[in-house]
Amino acid sequence: MTLPDILAPGLSAVFCGINPGQRAACIGQHFAGRGNRFWPALHLAGFTPVQLSPAEDVRLLEYGYGLTTAAPRASRTAAEVNVSELRAGLRDLEAKIRQLKPRVVAFLGKPAWIVHTGKAYFSWGRQTGTFGGSEAWVLPNPSGLNRHFSLVDLARAYRELRVSLSPAADGLPT
């Protein structure tokens, strides 16, 4: 089971999960796991004027954003994805990113960026390297299994990306 990308040329940002959860792949909708906090975090960070549901994932294109995964195979947890799967998935994804030229690729969770760079230690947020010619960010994984970050923490981290994309439209002090 895999999950189709939601991509188009010239997007402001592409959000890249580690791999699809089984529920998401089964129903064909991104971030559809019962405990996943992607959609609320995205809305609270100001990427969308309303909170979208997994059933509305394709609407993210209306706002200039896309969705993909680093590894295509669905699993119960991201921990089940091995390094070789991530390496192969990232090679394919990098080619797509070079072709579509989004401004930013935002990796949700550290595993894909670790495999891409070979560096295990780095800060959340904007990275010094690029991915497929696009600016790279690493943001906390919104999975309900990631309890190191509350919904408020996720929204705050995601908001940093949104503000960097459009600081004048923020309307809030930075």
Protein backbone atom coordinates (compact mmCIF):
# COMPACT_ATOMS: atom_id res chain seq x y z
CA MET A 1 0.00 0.00 0.00
CA THR A 2 1.22 3.46 -0.91
CA LEU A 3 -0.27 6.96 -0.89
CA PRO A 4 -0.36 9.28 -3.90
CA ASP A 5 1.59 12.53 -3.73
CA ILE A 6 -0.28 15.81 -3.75
CA LEU A 7 2.16 17.95 -5.70
CA ALA A 8 2.26 20.63 -8.38
CA PRO A 9 4.97 22.85 -9.86
CA GLY A 10 6.08 25.96 -7.98
CA LEU A 11 4.49 25.34 -4.57
CA SER A 12 5.51 27.45 -1.57
CA ALA A 13 6.14 24.36 0.53
CA VAL A 14 5.91 20.60 0.32
CA PHE A 15 5.32 18.78 3.61
CA CYS A 16 7.10 15.44 3.61
CA GLY A 17 6.08 12.75 6.06
CA ILE A 18 8.37 9.83 6.79
CA ASN A 19 6.01 7.29 5.21
CA PRO A 20 2.26 6.72 5.03
CA GLY A 21 0.50 5.21 8.00
CA GLN A 22 -1.56 2.13 7.22
CA ARG A 23 -4.88 3.93 7.70
CA ALA A 24 -3.79 6.84 5.47
CA ALA A 25 -2.68 4.49 2.68
CA CYS A 26 -5.79 2.32 3.03
CA ILE A 27 -8.20 5.24 2.59
CA GLY A 28 -5.92 7.27 0.29
CA GLN A 29 -5.74 10.37 2.50
CA HIS A 30 -2.66 11.97 4.03
CA PHE A 31 -2.27 12.19 7.82
CA ALA A 32 -5.46 10.20 8.42
CA GLY A 33 -4.32 8.38 11.56
CA ARG A 34 -6.72 8.88 14.45
CA GLY A 35 -4.11 10.55 16.65
CA ASN A 36 -2.31 12.51 13.94
CA ARG A 37 -2.13 16.24 14.64
CA PHE A 38 -0.96 17.48 11.23
CA TRP A 39 -4.21 19.15 10.19
CA PRO A 40 -4.83 21.00 13.47
CA ALA A 41 -1.18 22.10 13.68
CA LEU A 42 -1.23 23.33 10.09
CA HIS A 43 -4.35 25.40 10.74
CA LEU A 44 -3.14 26.78 14.08
CA ALA A 45 0.14 27.78 12.39
CA GLY A 46 -1.83 29.81 9.85
CA PHE A 47 -1.25 27.77 6.70
CA THR A 48 -5.00 27.34 6.14
CA PRO A 49 -7.92 29.62 7.10
CA VAL A 50 -9.93 26.60 8.24
CA GLN A 51 -8.87 23.24 9.60
CA LEU A 52 -8.88 20.77 6.76
CA SER A 53 -9.59 17.09 7.28
CA PRO A 54 -7.69 14.20 5.72
CA ALA A 55 -10.57 13.85 3.23
CA GLU A 56 -9.74 17.37 2.02
CA ASP A 57 -5.98 16.81 1.67
CA VAL A 58 -5.94 17.75 -2.03
CA ARG A 59 -7.30 21.21 -1.09
CA LEU A 60 -3.89 22.01 0.33
CA LEU A 61 -2.85 22.79 -3.25
CA GLU A 62 -5.31 25.73 -3.20
CA TYR A 63 -3.11 27.36 -0.56
CA GLY A 64 0.16 26.66 -2.37
CA TYR A 65 1.28 23.61 -0.40
CA GLY A 66 1.81 19.95 -1.23
CA LEU A 67 2.14 16.59 0.50
CA THR A 68 4.43 13.62 -0.01
CA THR A 69 6.39 11.02 1.91
CA ALA A 70 10.08 10.13 2.05
CA ALA A 71 9.41 6.38 1.79
CA PRO A 72 6.35 5.10 -0.08
CA ARG A 73 5.59 1.90 1.87
CA ALA A 74 2.82 2.15 4.45
CA SER A 75 3.47 0.82 7.92
CA ARG A 76 1.93 0.82 11.38
CA THR A 77 4.70 3.10 12.68
CA ALA A 78 7.49 5.04 10.98
CA ALA A 79 10.00 3.06 13.04
CA GLU A 80 9.27 0.08 10.76
CA VAL A 81 10.82 1.89 7.77
CA ASN A 82 14.45 0.93 7.22
CA VAL A 83 17.33 3.09 6.01
CA SER A 84 17.48 1.49 2.56
CA GLU A 85 13.79 2.27 2.01
CA LEU A 86 14.37 5.88 3.05
CA ARG A 87 17.44 6.17 0.81
CA ALA A 88 15.57 4.86 -2.23
CA GLY A 89 12.50 6.98 -1.49
CA LEU A 90 14.60 10.12 -1.02
CA ARG A 91 16.36 9.56 -4.37
CA ASP A 92 12.98 9.42 -6.12
CA LEU A 93 11.65 12.37 -4.13
CA GLU A 94 14.70 14.50 -4.84
CA ALA A 95 14.14 14.04 -8.58
CA LYS A 96 10.50 15.15 -8.18
CA ILE A 97 11.54 18.18 -6.14
CA ARG A 98 14.13 19.21 -8.75
CA GLN A 99 11.44 19.06 -11.41
CA LEU A 100 8.61 20.77 -9.45
CA LYS A 101 10.80 23.42 -7.75
CA PRO A 102 8.90 24.19 -4.55
CA ARG A 103 10.39 26.97 -2.45
CA VAL A 104 10.67 24.72 0.63
CA VAL A 105 10.63 21.02 1.46
CA ALA A 106 9.58 20.53 5.10
CA PHE A 107 10.50 17.11 6.48
CA LEU A 108 8.17 16.10 9.30
CA GLY A 109 10.44 14.29 11.70
CA LYS A 110 14.20 13.81 11.65
CA PRO A 111 14.73 10.34 10.10
CA ALA A 112 14.66 11.33 6.41
CA TRP A 113 16.95 14.32 6.93
CA ILE A 114 19.39 12.15 8.90
CA VAL A 115 19.53 9.67 6.02
CA HIS A 116 19.86 12.48 3.45
CA THR A 117 22.68 14.33 5.25
CA GLY A 118 24.30 11.60 7.34
CA LYS A 119 24.15 13.99 10.31
CA ALA A 120 22.35 12.83 13.43
CA TYR A 121 22.59 16.13 15.27
CA PHE A 122 20.92 19.29 14.01
CA SER A 123 18.31 21.75 15.19
CA TRP A 124 14.66 21.87 14.23
CA GLY A 125 13.71 24.47 11.64
CA ARG A 126 15.54 25.76 8.59
CA GLN A 127 18.55 23.67 7.60
CA THR A 128 21.81 24.86 6.06
CA GLY A 129 21.56 22.34 3.22
CA THR A 130 19.02 22.08 0.45
CA PHE A 131 16.99 19.18 -0.90
CA GLY A 132 16.57 18.91 -4.65
CA GLY A 133 17.51 22.57 -4.96
CA SER A 134 14.81 23.70 -2.51
CA GLU A 135 15.26 25.18 0.94
CA ALA A 136 15.01 22.43 3.56
CA TRP A 137 13.28 22.52 6.94
CA VAL A 138 12.88 19.82 9.55
CA LEU A 139 9.77 20.11 11.70
CA PRO A 140 8.48 17.85 14.48
CA ASN A 141 6.52 14.81 13.37
CA PRO A 142 2.76 15.33 14.00
CA SER A 143 2.11 11.66 14.72
CA GLY A 144 0.09 11.00 17.83
CA LEU A 145 2.95 8.70 18.87
CA ASN A 146 5.26 11.74 19.12
CA ARG A 147 4.32 12.98 22.57
CA HIS A 148 7.52 15.03 22.95
CA PHE A 149 5.62 17.85 21.25
CA SER A 150 2.19 19.13 22.24
CA LEU A 151 -0.18 20.49 19.62
CA VAL A 152 0.81 24.01 20.72
CA ASP A 153 4.51 23.11 20.27
CA LEU A 154 3.82 21.69 16.80
CA ALA A 155 1.85 24.78 15.76
CA ARG A 156 4.64 27.06 17.03
CA ALA A 157 7.30 25.15 15.06
CA TYR A 158 5.16 25.05 11.91
CA ARG A 159 4.36 28.75 12.27
CA GLU A 160 8.08 29.57 12.00
CA LEU A 161 8.03 28.06 8.51
CA ARG A 162 4.84 29.86 7.55
CA VAL A 163 6.20 33.22 8.72
CA SER A 164 9.41 32.65 6.76
CA LEU A 165 7.33 32.07 3.64
CA SER A 166 5.24 35.20 4.09
CA PRO A 167 6.30 37.39 7.04
CA ALA A 168 4.36 40.47 5.89
CA ALA A 169 1.07 38.52 5.87
CA ASP A 170 1.50 37.28 9.42
CA GLY A 171 -0.02 40.20 11.31
CA LEU A 172 1.45 38.91 14.56
CA PRO A 173 4.64 40.00 16.29
CA THR A 174 7.57 37.74 15.52
